[in-house]
Amino acid sequence: MEKLVSLGKILSDMNRVKIIALMQREKELCVCEICDTLQLSQPLVSRHLKQMREAEIVQTKQSGKWMIYSLCNNETIYCLLDTIQEDIKKLPKVISCATR
């Protein structure tokens, strides 16, 4: 039950839902790409990513000095994302890191 409650808390914030949706569309993103694309501050995005990592929704991998984020294989998240496919298409185009 705790995982379901944790997932509900994650999905109760529009910024976190946008981050998840952007990751679903782009597959892998670094923090600066999320910040620049969604026009959110780095501390806010990092806090959201930490919460999502703790809830086992996102995973990380190191790429040089960059931390790359992607969605974990989570059927529940994928099912929910299927219901907002049109909204995902409307998200802004990713502003890529020039240095990554």
PDB file of N, CA and C in Angstrom:
ATOM      1  N   MET A   1       0.802  -1.194   0.000  1.00  0.00           N
ATOM      2  CA  MET A   1       0.000   0.000   0.000  1.00  0.00           C
ATOM      3  C   MET A   1       0.849   1.263   0.000  1.00  0.00           C
ATOM      4  N   GLU A   2       2.004   1.194   0.648  1.00  0.00           N
ATOM      5  CA  GLU A   2       2.858   2.375   0.739  1.00  0.00           C
ATOM      6  C   GLU A   2       3.317   2.864  -0.636  1.00  0.00           C
ATOM      7  N   LYS A   3       3.601   1.940  -1.545  1.00  0.00           N
ATOM      8  CA  LYS A   3       4.024   2.331  -2.892  1.00  0.00           C
ATOM      9  C   LYS A   3       2.919   3.089  -3.611  1.00  0.00           C
ATOM     10  N   LEU A   4       1.676   2.656  -3.439  1.00  0.00           N
ATOM     11  CA  LEU A   4       0.550   3.319  -4.078  1.00  0.00           C
ATOM     12  C   LEU A   4       0.357   4.729  -3.525  1.00  0.00           C
ATOM     13  N   VAL A   5       0.463   4.877  -2.220  1.00  0.00           N
ATOM     14  CA  VAL A   5       0.341   6.190  -1.595  1.00  0.00           C
ATOM     15  C   VAL A   5       1.477   7.097  -2.056  1.00  0.00           C
ATOM     16  N   SER A   6       2.686   6.554  -2.115  1.00  0.00           N
ATOM     17  CA  SER A   6       3.838   7.320  -2.585  1.00  0.00           C
ATOM     18  C   SER A   6       3.638   7.781  -4.027  1.00  0.00           C
ATOM     19  N   LEU A   7       3.146   6.896  -4.875  1.00  0.00           N
ATOM     20  CA  LEU A   7       2.873   7.234  -6.271  1.00  0.00           C
ATOM     21  C   LEU A   7       1.812   8.333  -6.356  1.00  0.00           C
ATOM     22  N   GLY A   8       0.783   8.230  -5.532  1.00  0.00           N
ATOM     23  CA  GLY A   8      -0.262   9.257  -5.505  1.00  0.00           C
ATOM     24  C   GLY A   8       0.289  10.619  -5.131  1.00  0.00           C
ATOM     25  N   LYS A   9       1.205  10.643  -4.173  1.00  0.00           N
ATOM     26  CA  LYS A   9       1.820  11.910  -3.773  1.00  0.00           C
ATOM     27  C   LYS A   9       2.650  12.494  -4.909  1.00  0.00           C
ATOM     28  N   ILE A  10       3.394  11.641  -5.598  1.00  0.00           N
ATOM     29  CA  ILE A  10       4.215  12.106  -6.718  1.00  0.00           C
ATOM     30  C   ILE A  10       3.324  12.703  -7.806  1.00  0.00           C
ATOM     31  N   LEU A  11       2.233  12.036  -8.118  1.00  0.00           N
ATOM     32  CA  LEU A  11       1.358  12.468  -9.200  1.00  0.00           C
ATOM     33  C   LEU A  11       0.436  13.625  -8.816  1.00  0.00           C
ATOM     34  N   SER A  12       0.488  14.058  -7.559  1.00  0.00           N
ATOM     35  CA  SER A  12      -0.375  15.158  -7.118  1.00  0.00           C
ATOM     36  C   SER A  12       0.216  16.528  -7.425  1.00  0.00           C
ATOM     37  N   ASP A  13       1.408  16.561  -8.010  1.00  0.00           N
ATOM     38  CA  ASP A  13       2.063  17.821  -8.335  1.00  0.00           C
ATOM     39  C   ASP A  13       2.220  17.941  -9.850  1.00  0.00           C
ATOM     40  N   MET A  14       1.713  19.033 -10.419  1.00  0.00           N
ATOM     41  CA  MET A  14       1.738  19.207 -11.873  1.00  0.00           C
ATOM     42  C   MET A  14       3.165  19.232 -12.422  1.00  0.00           C
ATOM     43  N   ASN A  15       4.101  19.852 -11.720  1.00  0.00           N
ATOM     44  CA  ASN A  15       5.484  19.890 -12.205  1.00  0.00           C
ATOM     45  C   ASN A  15       6.086  18.498 -12.278  1.00  0.00           C
ATOM     46  N   ARG A  16       5.821  17.665 -11.279  1.00  0.00           N
ATOM     47  CA  ARG A  16       6.342  16.297 -11.308  1.00  0.00           C
ATOM     48  C   ARG A  16       5.713  15.504 -12.449  1.00  0.00           C
ATOM     49  N   VAL A  17       4.420  15.692 -12.687  1.00  0.00           N
ATOM     50  CA  VAL A  17       3.756  14.997 -13.796  1.00  0.00           C
ATOM     51  C   VAL A  17       4.378  15.443 -15.123  1.00  0.00           C
ATOM     52  N   LYS A  18       4.642  16.735 -15.268  1.00  0.00           N
ATOM     53  CA  LYS A  18       5.275  17.226 -16.499  1.00  0.00           C
ATOM     54  C   LYS A  18       6.674  16.639 -16.674  1.00  0.00           C
ATOM     55  N   ILE A  19       7.426  16.533 -15.588  1.00  0.00           N
ATOM     56  CA  ILE A  19       8.771  15.951 -15.664  1.00  0.00           C
ATOM     57  C   ILE A  19       8.681  14.490 -16.101  1.00  0.00           C
ATOM     58  N   ILE A  20       7.765  13.745 -15.511  1.00  0.00           N
ATOM     59  CA  ILE A  20       7.575  12.339 -15.867  1.00  0.00           C
ATOM     60  C   ILE A  20       7.163  12.219 -17.331  1.00  0.00           C
ATOM     61  N   ALA A  21       6.229  13.051 -17.757  1.00  0.00           N
ATOM     62  CA  ALA A  21       5.752  13.009 -19.138  1.00  0.00           C
ATOM     63  C   ALA A  21       6.880  13.355 -20.114  1.00  0.00           C
ATOM     64  N   LEU A  22       7.690  14.342 -19.763  1.00  0.00           N
ATOM     65  CA  LEU A  22       8.813  14.727 -20.610  1.00  0.00           C
ATOM     66  C   LEU A  22       9.821  13.590 -20.714  1.00  0.00           C
ATOM     67  N   MET A  23      10.074  12.912 -19.604  1.00  0.00           N
ATOM     68  CA  MET A  23      10.984  11.758 -19.633  1.00  0.00           C
ATOM     69  C   MET A  23      10.420  10.633 -20.479  1.00  0.00           C
ATOM     70  N   GLN A  24       9.121  10.434 -20.413  1.00  0.00           N
ATOM     71  CA  GLN A  24       8.512   9.374 -21.216  1.00  0.00           C
ATOM     72  C   GLN A  24       8.703   9.683 -22.695  1.00  0.00           C
ATOM     73  N   ARG A  25       8.539  10.937 -23.074  1.00  0.00           N
ATOM     74  CA  ARG A  25       8.672  11.335 -24.469  1.00  0.00           C
ATOM     75  C   ARG A  25      10.130  11.315 -24.943  1.00  0.00           C
ATOM     76  N   GLU A  26      11.049  11.799 -24.111  1.00  0.00           N
ATOM     77  CA  GLU A  26      12.441  11.971 -24.520  1.00  0.00           C
ATOM     78  C   GLU A  26      13.345  10.805 -24.114  1.00  0.00           C
ATOM     79  N   LYS A  27      12.878   9.946 -23.255  1.00  0.00           N
ATOM     80  CA  LYS A  27      13.598   8.763 -22.752  1.00  0.00           C
ATOM     81  C   LYS A  27      14.654   9.108 -21.702  1.00  0.00           C
ATOM     82  N   GLU A  28      15.584  10.021 -21.984  1.00  0.00           N
ATOM     83  CA  GLU A  28      16.636  10.387 -21.030  1.00  0.00           C
ATOM     84  C   GLU A  28      16.825  11.894 -21.035  1.00  0.00           C
ATOM     85  N   LEU A  29      16.980  12.459 -19.826  1.00  0.00           N
ATOM     86  CA  LEU A  29      17.181  13.899 -19.696  1.00  0.00           C
ATOM     87  C   LEU A  29      18.127  14.191 -18.539  1.00  0.00           C
ATOM     88  N   CYS A  30      18.876  15.276 -18.656  1.00  0.00           N
ATOM     89  CA  CYS A  30      19.655  15.748 -17.512  1.00  0.00           C
ATOM     90  C   CYS A  30      18.851  16.872 -16.838  1.00  0.00           C
ATOM     91  N   VAL A  31      19.271  17.248 -15.650  1.00  0.00           N
ATOM     92  CA  VAL A  31      18.542  18.251 -14.878  1.00  0.00           C
ATOM     93  C   VAL A  31      18.417  19.564 -15.642  1.00  0.00           C
ATOM     94  N   CYS A  32      19.505  20.005 -16.267  1.00  0.00           N
ATOM     95  CA  CYS A  32      19.454  21.303 -16.952  1.00  0.00           C
ATOM     96  C   CYS A  32      18.465  21.285 -18.120  1.00  0.00           C
ATOM     97  N   GLU A  33      18.311  20.149 -18.792  1.00  0.00           N
ATOM     98  CA  GLU A  33      17.332  20.064 -19.877  1.00  0.00           C
ATOM     99  C   GLU A  33      15.907  20.186 -19.334  1.00  0.00           C
ATOM    100  N   ILE A  34      15.652  19.565 -18.195  1.00  0.00           N
ATOM    101  CA  ILE A  34      14.329  19.666 -17.572  1.00  0.00           C
ATOM    102  C   ILE A  34      14.070  21.102 -17.128  1.00  0.00           C
ATOM    103  N   CYS A  35      15.057  21.709 -16.464  1.00  0.00           N
ATOM    104  CA  CYS A  35      14.918  23.093 -15.983  1.00  0.00           C
ATOM    105  C   CYS A  35      14.643  24.051 -17.124  1.00  0.00           C
ATOM    106  N   ASP A  36      15.463  23.981 -18.158  1.00  0.00           N
ATOM    107  CA  ASP A  36      15.334  24.913 -19.277  1.00  0.00           C
ATOM    108  C   ASP A  36      14.039  24.696 -20.055  1.00  0.00           C
ATOM    109  N   THR A  37      13.667  23.453 -20.257  1.00  0.00           N
ATOM    110  CA  THR A  37      12.470  23.144 -21.044  1.00  0.00           C
ATOM    111  C   THR A  37      11.190  23.551 -20.319  1.00  0.00           C
ATOM    112  N   LEU A  38      11.108  23.240 -19.032  1.00  0.00           N
ATOM    113  CA  LEU A  38       9.886  23.524 -18.278  1.00  0.00           C
ATOM    114  C   LEU A  38       9.943  24.853 -17.534  1.00  0.00           C
ATOM    115  N   GLN A  39      11.056  25.562 -17.668  1.00  0.00           N
ATOM    116  CA  GLN A  39      11.270  26.848 -17.007  1.00  0.00           C
ATOM    117  C   GLN A  39      11.053  26.748 -15.497  1.00  0.00           C
ATOM    118  N   LEU A  40      11.747  25.770 -14.908  1.00  0.00           N
ATOM    119  CA  LEU A  40      11.713  25.549 -13.467  1.00  0.00           C
ATOM    120  C   LEU A  40      13.116  25.729 -12.913  1.00  0.00           C
ATOM    121  N   SER A  41      13.220  26.091 -11.653  1.00  0.00           N
ATOM    122  CA  SER A  41      14.533  26.290 -11.042  1.00  0.00           C
ATOM    123  C   SER A  41      15.229  24.948 -10.811  1.00  0.00           C
ATOM    124  N   GLN A  42      16.550  24.976 -10.818  1.00  0.00           N
ATOM    125  CA  GLN A  42      17.329  23.757 -10.604  1.00  0.00           C
ATOM    126  C   GLN A  42      17.065  23.133  -9.234  1.00  0.00           C
ATOM    127  N   PRO A  43      17.001  23.936  -8.131  1.00  0.00           N
ATOM    128  CA  PRO A  43      16.708  23.309  -6.836  1.00  0.00           C
ATOM    129  C   PRO A  43      15.344  22.613  -6.798  1.00  0.00           C
ATOM    130  N   LEU A  44      14.347  23.218  -7.436  1.00  0.00           N
ATOM    131  CA  LEU A  44      13.018  22.615  -7.471  1.00  0.00           C
ATOM    132  C   LEU A  44      13.030  21.307  -8.251  1.00  0.00           C
ATOM    133  N   VAL A  45      13.644  21.309  -9.416  1.00  0.00           N
ATOM    134  CA  VAL A  45      13.706  20.096 -10.238  1.00  0.00           C
ATOM    135  C   VAL A  45      14.487  19.005  -9.506  1.00  0.00           C
ATOM    136  N   SER A  46      15.591  19.363  -8.893  1.00  0.00           N
ATOM    137  CA  SER A  46      16.388  18.371  -8.157  1.00  0.00           C
ATOM    138  C   SER A  46      15.589  17.765  -7.012  1.00  0.00           C
ATOM    139  N   ARG A  47      14.819  18.588  -6.313  1.00  0.00           N
ATOM    140  CA  ARG A  47      13.993  18.077  -5.212  1.00  0.00           C
ATOM    141  C   ARG A  47      12.934  17.114  -5.751  1.00  0.00           C
ATOM    142  N   HIS A  48      12.278  17.486  -6.859  1.00  0.00           N
ATOM    143  CA  HIS A  48      11.277  16.598  -7.462  1.00  0.00           C
ATOM    144  C   HIS A  48      11.913  15.283  -7.906  1.00  0.00           C
ATOM    145  N   LEU A  49      13.075  15.352  -8.538  1.00  0.00           N
ATOM    146  CA  LEU A  49      13.750  14.136  -9.001  1.00  0.00           C
ATOM    147  C   LEU A  49      14.146  13.239  -7.834  1.00  0.00           C
ATOM    148  N   LYS A  50      14.575  13.834  -6.740  1.00  0.00           N
ATOM    149  CA  LYS A  50      14.932  13.047  -5.547  1.00  0.00           C
ATOM    150  C   LYS A  50      13.700  12.287  -5.039  1.00  0.00           C
ATOM    151  N   GLN A  51      12.567  12.983  -4.972  1.00  0.00           N
ATOM    152  CA  GLN A  51      11.331  12.339  -4.518  1.00  0.00           C
ATOM    153  C   GLN A  51      10.932  11.208  -5.454  1.00  0.00           C
ATOM    154  N   MET A  52      11.080  11.432  -6.754  1.00  0.00           N
ATOM    155  CA  MET A  52      10.711  10.402  -7.723  1.00  0.00           C
ATOM    156  C   MET A  52      11.686   9.228  -7.689  1.00  0.00           C
ATOM    157  N   ARG A  53      12.951   9.503  -7.420  1.00  0.00           N
ATOM    158  CA  ARG A  53      13.937   8.422  -7.277  1.00  0.00           C
ATOM    159  C   ARG A  53      13.610   7.570  -6.055  1.00  0.00           C
ATOM    160  N   GLU A  54      13.274   8.225  -4.945  1.00  0.00           N
ATOM    161  CA  GLU A  54      12.923   7.504  -3.719  1.00  0.00           C
ATOM    162  C   GLU A  54      11.660   6.666  -3.895  1.00  0.00           C
ATOM    163  N   ALA A  55      10.751   7.125  -4.753  1.00  0.00           N
ATOM    164  CA  ALA A  55       9.516   6.384  -5.029  1.00  0.00           C
ATOM    165  C   ALA A  55       9.715   5.340  -6.135  1.00  0.00           C
ATOM    166  N   GLU A  56      10.949   5.209  -6.605  1.00  0.00           N
ATOM    167  CA  GLU A  56      11.317   4.244  -7.654  1.00  0.00           C
ATOM    168  C   GLU A  56      10.559   4.473  -8.959  1.00  0.00           C
ATOM    169  N   ILE A  57      10.393   5.752  -9.295  1.00  0.00           N
ATOM    170  CA  ILE A  57       9.751   6.124 -10.553  1.00  0.00           C
ATOM    171  C   ILE A  57      10.800   6.472 -11.592  1.00  0.00           C
ATOM    172  N   VAL A  58      11.888   7.105 -11.150  1.00  0.00           N
ATOM    173  CA  VAL A  58      12.982   7.430 -12.064  1.00  0.00           C
ATOM    174  C   VAL A  58      14.259   6.750 -11.602  1.00  0.00           C
ATOM    175  N   GLN A  59      15.150   6.563 -12.562  1.00  0.00           N
ATOM    176  CA  GLN A  59      16.463   5.984 -12.280  1.00  0.00           C
ATOM    177  C   GLN A  59      17.516   6.915 -12.857  1.00  0.00           C
ATOM    178  N   THR A  60      18.735   6.741 -12.397  1.00  0.00           N
ATOM    179  CA  THR A  60      19.824   7.603 -12.855  1.00  0.00           C
ATOM    180  C   THR A  60      20.968   6.771 -13.396  1.00  0.00           C
ATOM    181  N   LYS A  61      21.759   7.446 -14.234  1.00  0.00           N
ATOM    182  CA  LYS A  61      23.025   6.863 -14.660  1.00  0.00           C
ATOM    183  C   LYS A  61      23.992   8.020 -14.869  1.00  0.00           C
ATOM    184  N   GLN A  62      25.235   7.749 -14.607  1.00  0.00           N
ATOM    185  CA  GLN A  62      26.279   8.754 -14.757  1.00  0.00           C
ATOM    186  C   GLN A  62      26.779   8.745 -16.200  1.00  0.00           C
ATOM    187  N   SER A  63      26.905   9.927 -16.779  1.00  0.00           N
ATOM    188  CA  SER A  63      27.468  10.068 -18.116  1.00  0.00           C
ATOM    189  C   SER A  63      28.504  11.188 -18.035  1.00  0.00           C
ATOM    190  N   GLY A  64      29.753  10.820 -17.819  1.00  0.00           N
ATOM    191  CA  GLY A  64      30.784  11.825 -17.577  1.00  0.00           C
ATOM    192  C   GLY A  64      30.477  12.527 -16.274  1.00  0.00           C
ATOM    193  N   LYS A  65      30.377  13.852 -16.321  1.00  0.00           N
ATOM    194  CA  LYS A  65      30.040  14.581 -15.097  1.00  0.00           C
ATOM    195  C   LYS A  65      28.535  14.811 -14.960  1.00  0.00           C
ATOM    196  N   TRP A  66      27.746  14.301 -15.902  1.00  0.00           N
ATOM    197  CA  TRP A  66      26.307  14.517 -15.913  1.00  0.00           C
ATOM    198  C   TRP A  66      25.548  13.334 -15.317  1.00  0.00           C
ATOM    199  N   MET A  67      24.482  13.640 -14.589  1.00  0.00           N
ATOM    200  CA  MET A  67      23.564  12.630 -14.098  1.00  0.00           C
ATOM    201  C   MET A  67      22.375  12.621 -15.054  1.00  0.00           C
ATOM    202  N   ILE A  68      22.109  11.472 -15.642  1.00  0.00           N
ATOM    203  CA  ILE A  68      21.033  11.336 -16.624  1.00  0.00           C
ATOM    204  C   ILE A  68      19.857  10.597 -15.969  1.00  0.00           C
ATOM    205  N   TYR A  69      18.672  11.135 -16.148  1.00  0.00           N
ATOM    206  CA  TYR A  69      17.466  10.575 -15.547  1.00  0.00           C
ATOM    207  C   TYR A  69      16.578   9.945 -16.611  1.00  0.00           C
ATOM    208  N   SER A  70      15.965   8.835 -16.237  1.00  0.00           N
ATOM    209  CA  SER A  70      15.002   8.167 -17.110  1.00  0.00           C
ATOM    210  C   SER A  70      13.966   7.469 -16.227  1.00  0.00           C
ATOM    211  N   LEU A  71      12.856   7.100 -16.838  1.00  0.00           N
ATOM    212  CA  LEU A  71      11.809   6.405 -16.082  1.00  0.00           C
ATOM    213  C   LEU A  71      12.212   4.968 -15.806  1.00  0.00           C
ATOM    214  N   CYS A  72      11.869   4.498 -14.632  1.00  0.00           N
ATOM    215  CA  CYS A  72      12.016   3.077 -14.316  1.00  0.00           C
ATOM    216  C   CYS A  72      10.941   2.321 -15.086  1.00  0.00           C
ATOM    217  N   ASN A  73      11.149   1.045 -15.252  1.00  0.00           N
ATOM    218  CA  ASN A  73      10.144   0.203 -15.900  1.00  0.00           C
ATOM    219  C   ASN A  73       9.005   0.000 -14.899  1.00  0.00           C
ATOM    220  N   ASN A  74       7.965   0.823 -15.015  1.00  0.00           N
ATOM    221  CA  ASN A  74       6.864   0.822 -14.068  1.00  0.00           C
ATOM    222  C   ASN A  74       5.556   0.797 -14.856  1.00  0.00           C
ATOM    223  N   GLU A  75       4.904  -0.323 -14.875  1.00  0.00           N
ATOM    224  CA  GLU A  75       3.676  -0.488 -15.670  1.00  0.00           C
ATOM    225  C   GLU A  75       2.584   0.498 -15.258  1.00  0.00           C
ATOM    226  N   THR A  76       2.490   0.801 -13.980  1.00  0.00           N
ATOM    227  CA  THR A  76       1.464   1.728 -13.505  1.00  0.00           C
ATOM    228  C   THR A  76       1.676   3.105 -14.107  1.00  0.00           C
ATOM    229  N   ILE A  77       2.917   3.588 -14.087  1.00  0.00           N
ATOM    230  CA  ILE A  77       3.232   4.898 -14.664  1.00  0.00           C
ATOM    231  C   ILE A  77       2.954   4.890 -16.161  1.00  0.00           C
ATOM    232  N   TYR A  78       3.389   3.840 -16.862  1.00  0.00           N
ATOM    233  CA  TYR A  78       3.147   3.767 -18.301  1.00  0.00           C
ATOM    234  C   TYR A  78       1.649   3.776 -18.621  1.00  0.00           C
ATOM    235  N   CYS A  79       0.873   3.093 -17.814  1.00  0.00           N
ATOM    236  CA  CYS A  79      -0.583   3.054 -18.014  1.00  0.00           C
ATOM    237  C   CYS A  79      -1.171   4.452 -17.834  1.00  0.00           C
ATOM    238  N   LEU A  80      -0.746   5.152 -16.802  1.00  0.00           N
ATOM    239  CA  LEU A  80      -1.242   6.507 -16.559  1.00  0.00           C
ATOM    240  C   LEU A  80      -0.797   7.464 -17.663  1.00  0.00           C
ATOM    241  N   LEU A  81       0.439   7.306 -18.135  1.00  0.00           N
ATOM    242  CA  LEU A  81       0.939   8.179 -19.202  1.00  0.00           C
ATOM    243  C   LEU A  81       0.171   7.974 -20.501  1.00  0.00           C
ATOM    244  N   ASP A  82      -0.316   6.758 -20.721  1.00  0.00           N
ATOM    245  CA  ASP A  82      -1.116   6.500 -21.918  1.00  0.00           C
ATOM    246  C   ASP A  82      -2.374   7.364 -21.958  1.00  0.00           C
ATOM    247  N   THR A  83      -2.892   7.720 -20.790  1.00  0.00           N
ATOM    248  CA  THR A  83      -4.120   8.516 -20.738  1.00  0.00           C
ATOM    249  C   THR A  83      -3.883   9.990 -21.051  1.00  0.00           C
ATOM    250  N   ILE A  84      -2.616  10.431 -21.068  1.00  0.00           N
ATOM    251  CA  ILE A  84      -2.332  11.846 -21.337  1.00  0.00           C
ATOM    252  C   ILE A  84      -1.431  12.038 -22.556  1.00  0.00           C
ATOM    253  N   GLN A  85      -1.503  11.143 -23.509  1.00  0.00           N
ATOM    254  CA  GLN A  85      -0.636  11.213 -24.690  1.00  0.00           C
ATOM    255  C   GLN A  85      -0.769  12.540 -25.434  1.00  0.00           C
ATOM    256  N   GLU A  86      -1.967  13.064 -25.558  1.00  0.00           N
ATOM    257  CA  GLU A  86      -2.151  14.342 -26.258  1.00  0.00           C
ATOM    258  C   GLU A  86      -1.482  15.484 -25.503  1.00  0.00           C
ATOM    259  N   ASP A  87      -1.558  15.456 -24.181  1.00  0.00           N
ATOM    260  CA  ASP A  87      -0.900  16.484 -23.370  1.00  0.00           C
ATOM    261  C   ASP A  87       0.618  16.376 -23.474  1.00  0.00           C
ATOM    262  N   ILE A  88       1.131  15.168 -23.548  1.00  0.00           N
ATOM    263  CA  ILE A  88       2.572  14.958 -23.671  1.00  0.00           C
ATOM    264  C   ILE A  88       3.075  15.571 -24.972  1.00  0.00           C
ATOM    265  N   LYS A  89       2.306  15.437 -26.038  1.00  0.00           N
ATOM    266  CA  LYS A  89       2.705  16.011 -27.328  1.00  0.00           C
ATOM    267  C   LYS A  89       2.767  17.533 -27.264  1.00  0.00           C
ATOM    268  N   LYS A  90       2.012  18.154 -26.372  1.00  0.00           N
ATOM    269  CA  LYS A  90       1.949  19.613 -26.256  1.00  0.00           C
ATOM    270  C   LYS A  90       3.062  20.194 -25.382  1.00  0.00           C
ATOM    271  N   LEU A  91       3.805  19.338 -24.701  1.00  0.00           N
ATOM    272  CA  LEU A  91       4.909  19.848 -23.891  1.00  0.00           C
ATOM    273  C   LEU A  91       5.923  20.542 -24.789  1.00  0.00           C
ATOM    274  N   PRO A  92       6.630  21.527 -24.259  1.00  0.00           N
ATOM    275  CA  PRO A  92       7.611  22.234 -25.097  1.00  0.00           C
ATOM    276  C   PRO A  92       8.714  21.306 -25.605  1.00  0.00           C
ATOM    277  N   LYS A  93       9.276  21.711 -26.730  1.00  0.00           N
ATOM    278  CA  LYS A  93      10.423  20.986 -27.272  1.00  0.00           C
ATOM    279  C   LYS A  93      11.583  21.099 -26.288  1.00  0.00           C
ATOM    280  N   VAL A  94      12.314  20.009 -26.100  1.00  0.00           N
ATOM    281  CA  VAL A  94      13.413  19.991 -25.151  1.00  0.00           C
ATOM    282  C   VAL A  94      14.513  20.951 -25.572  1.00  0.00           C
ATOM    283  N   ILE A  95      14.954  21.740 -24.616  1.00  0.00           N
ATOM    284  CA  ILE A  95      16.096  22.620 -24.821  1.00  0.00           C
ATOM    285  C   ILE A  95      17.306  21.812 -24.371  1.00  0.00           C
ATOM    286  N   SER A  96      18.082  21.343 -25.321  1.00  0.00           N
ATOM    287  CA  SER A  96      19.201  20.445 -25.040  1.00  0.00           C
ATOM    288  C   SER A  96      20.359  21.173 -24.391  1.00  0.00           C
ATOM    289  N   CYS A  97      21.054  20.430 -23.561  1.00  0.00           N
ATOM    290  CA  CYS A  97      22.286  20.927 -22.962  1.00  0.00           C
ATOM    291  C   CYS A  97      23.347  21.053 -24.060  1.00  0.00           C
ATOM    292  N   ALA A  98      23.939  22.189 -24.152  1.00  0.00           N
ATOM    293  CA  ALA A  98      24.990  22.371 -25.161  1.00  0.00           C
ATOM    294  C   ALA A  98      26.261  21.626 -24.763  1.00  0.00           C
ATOM    295  N   THR A  99      26.403  21.367 -23.471  1.00  0.00           N
ATOM    296  CA  THR A  99      27.650  20.753 -22.998  1.00  0.00           C
ATOM    297  C   THR A  99      27.552  19.272 -22.770  1.00  0.00           C
ATOM    298  N   ARG A 100      26.372  18.667 -22.906  1.00  0.00           N
ATOM    299  CA  ARG A 100      26.238  17.231 -22.643  1.00  0.00           C
ATOM    300  C   ARG A 100      26.598  16.441 -23.838  1.00  0.00           C
TER     301      ARG A 100
END
